[in-house]
Amino acid sequence: MQARMPNVYKLASGGYQALKALEASLAESGVPRETLDLVRLRVSQINGCALCVDMHAREGREAGITDERLWAVAAWREAPFYTDAERAALALAEAVTRIADRPEGVEDAVWEEAAAQFDDAALAALVMAIASINAWNRINVATRQIAGSFR
């Protein structure tokens, strides 16, 4: 595989800086880093973004997420390794990422469970984190960024 562009982020540096600023705000949002890392990994799996799957699995591991939790995130519903809050975040992440697959968008039950686990500010940050990783994934998949190329 070869990237379609030499470095999309250098070529569109203003957009890159805006996404980086969003990521910086998420780090200060109060949503636990492990939750954000698991959400980023799961969304990247759904979107087929090899660069982000590689990056977020590595970052999650460096942040202390166990291998079992990283390996099982694609099957989080059946795995015992996740808290109720993480499960709610993962369900919301999947629903938002697959928003076009459901006529109602994000189902009320999914939203209500996330709202029960996170206060309004954290829930808003979680929605922004899901939107952000979807943006990164779409840029990387469209331009065929290579896994491991940003290490």
C-alpha atoms as a PDB file:
ATOM      1  CA  MET A   1       0.000   0.000   0.000  1.00  0.00           C
ATOM      2  CA  GLN A   2       1.145   3.492  -0.784  1.00  0.00           C
ATOM      3  CA  ALA A   3      -0.239   6.793   0.495  1.00  0.00           C
ATOM      4  CA  ARG A   4      -2.129   8.836  -2.088  1.00  0.00           C
ATOM      5  CA  MET A   5      -0.576  12.067  -0.806  1.00  0.00           C
ATOM      6  CA  PRO A   6       2.875  12.677   0.658  1.00  0.00           C
ATOM      7  CA  ASN A   7       1.504  14.299   3.829  1.00  0.00           C
ATOM      8  CA  VAL A   8      -2.080  15.483   3.861  1.00  0.00           C
ATOM      9  CA  TYR A   9      -1.563  17.138   7.237  1.00  0.00           C
ATOM     10  CA  LYS A  10       1.286  19.301   5.984  1.00  0.00           C
ATOM     11  CA  LEU A  11      -0.645  20.225   2.860  1.00  0.00           C
ATOM     12  CA  ALA A  12      -3.747  21.157   4.884  1.00  0.00           C
ATOM     13  CA  SER A  13      -1.961  22.495   7.932  1.00  0.00           C
ATOM     14  CA  GLY A  14      -4.797  24.788   9.052  1.00  0.00           C
ATOM     15  CA  GLY A  15      -7.220  21.875   9.275  1.00  0.00           C
ATOM     16  CA  TYR A  16      -4.589  19.772  10.995  1.00  0.00           C
ATOM     17  CA  GLN A  17      -3.983  22.469  13.599  1.00  0.00           C
ATOM     18  CA  ALA A  18      -7.742  22.787  14.202  1.00  0.00           C
ATOM     19  CA  LEU A  19      -8.095  19.038  14.775  1.00  0.00           C
ATOM     20  CA  LYS A  20      -5.053  19.071  17.075  1.00  0.00           C
ATOM     21  CA  ALA A  21      -6.644  21.902  19.084  1.00  0.00           C
ATOM     22  CA  LEU A  22      -9.813  19.833  19.429  1.00  0.00           C
ATOM     23  CA  GLU A  23      -7.733  16.885  20.657  1.00  0.00           C
ATOM     24  CA  ALA A  24      -5.991  19.122  23.205  1.00  0.00           C
ATOM     25  CA  SER A  25      -9.355  20.254  24.559  1.00  0.00           C
ATOM     26  CA  LEU A  26     -10.508  16.638  24.865  1.00  0.00           C
ATOM     27  CA  ALA A  27      -7.465  15.793  26.963  1.00  0.00           C
ATOM     28  CA  GLU A  28      -8.697  18.387  29.474  1.00  0.00           C
ATOM     29  CA  SER A  29     -12.386  17.421  29.238  1.00  0.00           C
ATOM     30  CA  GLY A  30     -12.686  15.197  32.270  1.00  0.00           C
ATOM     31  CA  VAL A  31     -13.525  12.101  30.228  1.00  0.00           C
ATOM     32  CA  PRO A  32     -11.077   9.422  31.392  1.00  0.00           C
ATOM     33  CA  ARG A  33      -8.183   8.935  29.003  1.00  0.00           C
ATOM     34  CA  GLU A  34      -8.761   5.173  28.907  1.00  0.00           C
ATOM     35  CA  THR A  35     -12.345   5.765  27.778  1.00  0.00           C
ATOM     36  CA  LEU A  36     -11.201   8.119  25.035  1.00  0.00           C
ATOM     37  CA  ASP A  37      -8.489   5.670  23.928  1.00  0.00           C
ATOM     38  CA  LEU A  38     -10.950   2.763  23.757  1.00  0.00           C
ATOM     39  CA  VAL A  39     -13.466   4.864  21.823  1.00  0.00           C
ATOM     40  CA  ARG A  40     -10.796   6.003  19.351  1.00  0.00           C
ATOM     41  CA  LEU A  41      -9.642   2.429  18.831  1.00  0.00           C
ATOM     42  CA  ARG A  42     -13.167   1.057  18.321  1.00  0.00           C
ATOM     43  CA  VAL A  43     -14.226   3.793  15.896  1.00  0.00           C
ATOM     44  CA  SER A  44     -10.988   3.323  13.940  1.00  0.00           C
ATOM     45  CA  GLN A  45     -11.692  -0.417  13.690  1.00  0.00           C
ATOM     46  CA  ILE A  46     -15.185   0.258  12.335  1.00  0.00           C
ATOM     47  CA  ASN A  47     -13.848   2.748   9.792  1.00  0.00           C
ATOM     48  CA  GLY A  48     -10.971   0.526   8.698  1.00  0.00           C
ATOM     49  CA  CYS A  49      -8.315   3.125   9.508  1.00  0.00           C
ATOM     50  CA  ALA A  50      -5.164   1.055   9.914  1.00  0.00           C
ATOM     51  CA  LEU A  51      -3.061   4.071  10.887  1.00  0.00           C
ATOM     52  CA  CYS A  52      -5.409   4.966  13.760  1.00  0.00           C
ATOM     53  CA  VAL A  53      -5.930   1.367  14.899  1.00  0.00           C
ATOM     54  CA  ASP A  54      -2.166   1.011  15.177  1.00  0.00           C
ATOM     55  CA  MET A  55      -1.701   4.415  16.802  1.00  0.00           C
ATOM     56  CA  HIS A  56      -4.488   4.149  19.361  1.00  0.00           C
ATOM     57  CA  ALA A  57      -3.675   0.570  20.331  1.00  0.00           C
ATOM     58  CA  ARG A  58      -0.078   1.667  20.984  1.00  0.00           C
ATOM     59  CA  GLU A  59      -1.109   4.834  22.824  1.00  0.00           C
ATOM     60  CA  GLY A  60      -3.628   2.900  24.898  1.00  0.00           C
ATOM     61  CA  ARG A  61      -1.025   0.367  25.877  1.00  0.00           C
ATOM     62  CA  GLU A  62       1.445   3.139  26.771  1.00  0.00           C
ATOM     63  CA  ALA A  63      -1.289   4.716  28.928  1.00  0.00           C
ATOM     64  CA  GLY A  64      -1.703   1.465  30.827  1.00  0.00           C
ATOM     65  CA  ILE A  65      -4.665  -0.194  29.142  1.00  0.00           C
ATOM     66  CA  THR A  66      -4.179  -3.950  29.386  1.00  0.00           C
ATOM     67  CA  ASP A  67      -3.680  -6.053  26.295  1.00  0.00           C
ATOM     68  CA  GLU A  68      -6.913  -7.935  27.048  1.00  0.00           C
ATOM     69  CA  ARG A  69      -8.925  -4.702  26.988  1.00  0.00           C
ATOM     70  CA  LEU A  70      -7.273  -3.568  23.762  1.00  0.00           C
ATOM     71  CA  TRP A  71      -7.660  -6.924  22.026  1.00  0.00           C
ATOM     72  CA  ALA A  72     -11.299  -7.364  23.008  1.00  0.00           C
ATOM     73  CA  VAL A  73     -12.596  -3.873  22.222  1.00  0.00           C
ATOM     74  CA  ALA A  74     -14.141  -5.058  18.942  1.00  0.00           C
ATOM     75  CA  ALA A  75     -16.191  -7.540  21.004  1.00  0.00           C
ATOM     76  CA  TRP A  76     -16.786  -5.288  24.020  1.00  0.00           C
ATOM     77  CA  ARG A  77     -20.400  -6.434  24.433  1.00  0.00           C
ATOM     78  CA  GLU A  78     -19.273 -10.005  25.116  1.00  0.00           C
ATOM     79  CA  ALA A  79     -16.076  -9.237  27.048  1.00  0.00           C
ATOM     80  CA  PRO A  80     -15.990  -8.694  30.827  1.00  0.00           C
ATOM     81  CA  PHE A  81     -13.182  -6.129  30.756  1.00  0.00           C
ATOM     82  CA  TYR A  82     -15.142  -2.848  30.539  1.00  0.00           C
ATOM     83  CA  THR A  83     -16.942  -0.635  33.032  1.00  0.00           C
ATOM     84  CA  ASP A  84     -20.550   0.438  32.572  1.00  0.00           C
ATOM     85  CA  ALA A  85     -19.345   3.921  31.581  1.00  0.00           C
ATOM     86  CA  GLU A  86     -16.941   2.502  28.990  1.00  0.00           C
ATOM     87  CA  ARG A  87     -19.710   0.297  27.585  1.00  0.00           C
ATOM     88  CA  ALA A  88     -22.005   3.314  27.285  1.00  0.00           C
ATOM     89  CA  ALA A  89     -19.246   5.299  25.560  1.00  0.00           C
ATOM     90  CA  LEU A  90     -18.492   2.446  23.155  1.00  0.00           C
ATOM     91  CA  ALA A  91     -22.186   2.006  22.310  1.00  0.00           C
ATOM     92  CA  LEU A  92     -22.496   5.740  21.641  1.00  0.00           C
ATOM     93  CA  ALA A  93     -19.312   5.704  19.559  1.00  0.00           C
ATOM     94  CA  GLU A  94     -20.637   2.874  17.401  1.00  0.00           C
ATOM     95  CA  ALA A  95     -24.042   4.537  16.988  1.00  0.00           C
ATOM     96  CA  VAL A  96     -22.571   7.907  15.999  1.00  0.00           C
ATOM     97  CA  THR A  97     -20.041   6.306  13.654  1.00  0.00           C
ATOM     98  CA  ARG A  98     -22.771   4.267  11.947  1.00  0.00           C
ATOM     99  CA  ILE A  99     -25.311   7.089  12.004  1.00  0.00           C
ATOM    100  CA  ALA A 100     -26.290   6.580   8.356  1.00  0.00           C
ATOM    101  CA  ASP A 101     -27.260   2.955   9.037  1.00  0.00           C
ATOM    102  CA  ARG A 102     -30.236   3.870  11.240  1.00  0.00           C
ATOM    103  CA  PRO A 103     -33.144   6.088  10.198  1.00  0.00           C
ATOM    104  CA  GLU A 104     -33.419   7.443  13.758  1.00  0.00           C
ATOM    105  CA  GLY A 105     -29.681   8.189  13.972  1.00  0.00           C
ATOM    106  CA  VAL A 106     -28.545   7.531  17.527  1.00  0.00           C
ATOM    107  CA  GLU A 107     -31.171   5.488  19.343  1.00  0.00           C
ATOM    108  CA  ASP A 108     -32.698   7.023  22.458  1.00  0.00           C
ATOM    109  CA  ALA A 109     -31.675   4.039  24.607  1.00  0.00           C
ATOM    110  CA  VAL A 110     -28.023   4.436  23.607  1.00  0.00           C
ATOM    111  CA  TRP A 111     -28.103   8.164  24.323  1.00  0.00           C
ATOM    112  CA  GLU A 112     -29.914   7.713  27.625  1.00  0.00           C
ATOM    113  CA  GLU A 113     -27.382   5.145  28.852  1.00  0.00           C
ATOM    114  CA  ALA A 114     -24.501   7.456  27.962  1.00  0.00           C
ATOM    115  CA  ALA A 115     -26.300  10.353  29.680  1.00  0.00           C
ATOM    116  CA  ALA A 116     -26.712   8.206  32.787  1.00  0.00           C
ATOM    117  CA  GLN A 117     -22.975   7.513  32.903  1.00  0.00           C
ATOM    118  CA  PHE A 118     -21.591  10.974  32.034  1.00  0.00           C
ATOM    119  CA  ASP A 119     -22.545  14.473  33.126  1.00  0.00           C
ATOM    120  CA  ASP A 120     -23.507  16.958  30.419  1.00  0.00           C
ATOM    121  CA  ALA A 121     -19.994  18.384  29.986  1.00  0.00           C
ATOM    122  CA  ALA A 122     -18.379  14.942  29.743  1.00  0.00           C
ATOM    123  CA  LEU A 123     -21.097  13.709  27.387  1.00  0.00           C
ATOM    124  CA  ALA A 124     -20.564  16.736  25.141  1.00  0.00           C
ATOM    125  CA  ALA A 125     -16.816  16.059  25.144  1.00  0.00           C
ATOM    126  CA  LEU A 126     -17.453  12.403  24.324  1.00  0.00           C
ATOM    127  CA  VAL A 127     -19.592  13.392  21.326  1.00  0.00           C
ATOM    128  CA  MET A 128     -16.798  15.727  20.182  1.00  0.00           C
ATOM    129  CA  ALA A 129     -14.216  12.937  20.626  1.00  0.00           C
ATOM    130  CA  ILE A 130     -16.311  10.586  18.506  1.00  0.00           C
ATOM    131  CA  ALA A 131     -16.706  13.216  15.805  1.00  0.00           C
ATOM    132  CA  SER A 132     -12.986  13.963  15.926  1.00  0.00           C
ATOM    133  CA  ILE A 133     -11.801  10.388  15.504  1.00  0.00           C
ATOM    134  CA  ASN A 134     -14.286   9.921  12.672  1.00  0.00           C
ATOM    135  CA  ALA A 135     -12.759  12.976  10.964  1.00  0.00           C
ATOM    136  CA  TRP A 136      -9.196  11.668  11.444  1.00  0.00           C
ATOM    137  CA  ASN A 137     -10.251   8.234  10.141  1.00  0.00           C
ATOM    138  CA  ARG A 138     -11.879   9.648   7.038  1.00  0.00           C
ATOM    139  CA  ILE A 139      -8.856  11.771   6.191  1.00  0.00           C
ATOM    140  CA  ASN A 140      -6.471   8.847   6.690  1.00  0.00           C
ATOM    141  CA  VAL A 141      -8.591   6.307   4.796  1.00  0.00           C
ATOM    142  CA  ALA A 142      -9.256   8.702   1.894  1.00  0.00           C
ATOM    143  CA  THR A 143      -5.558   9.476   1.490  1.00  0.00           C
ATOM    144  CA  ARG A 144      -4.411   5.936   2.365  1.00  0.00           C
ATOM    145  CA  GLN A 145      -2.127   6.912   5.202  1.00  0.00           C
ATOM    146  CA  ILE A 146       0.032   3.937   6.169  1.00  0.00           C
ATOM    147  CA  ALA A 147      -0.113   2.280   9.589  1.00  0.00           C
ATOM    148  CA  GLY A 148       3.018   3.119  11.551  1.00  0.00           C
ATOM    149  CA  SER A 149       3.886   6.100   9.356  1.00  0.00           C
ATOM    150  CA  PHE A 150       3.531   8.638  12.176  1.00  0.00           C
ATOM    151  CA  ARG A 151       5.657   6.893  14.808  1.00  0.00           C
END
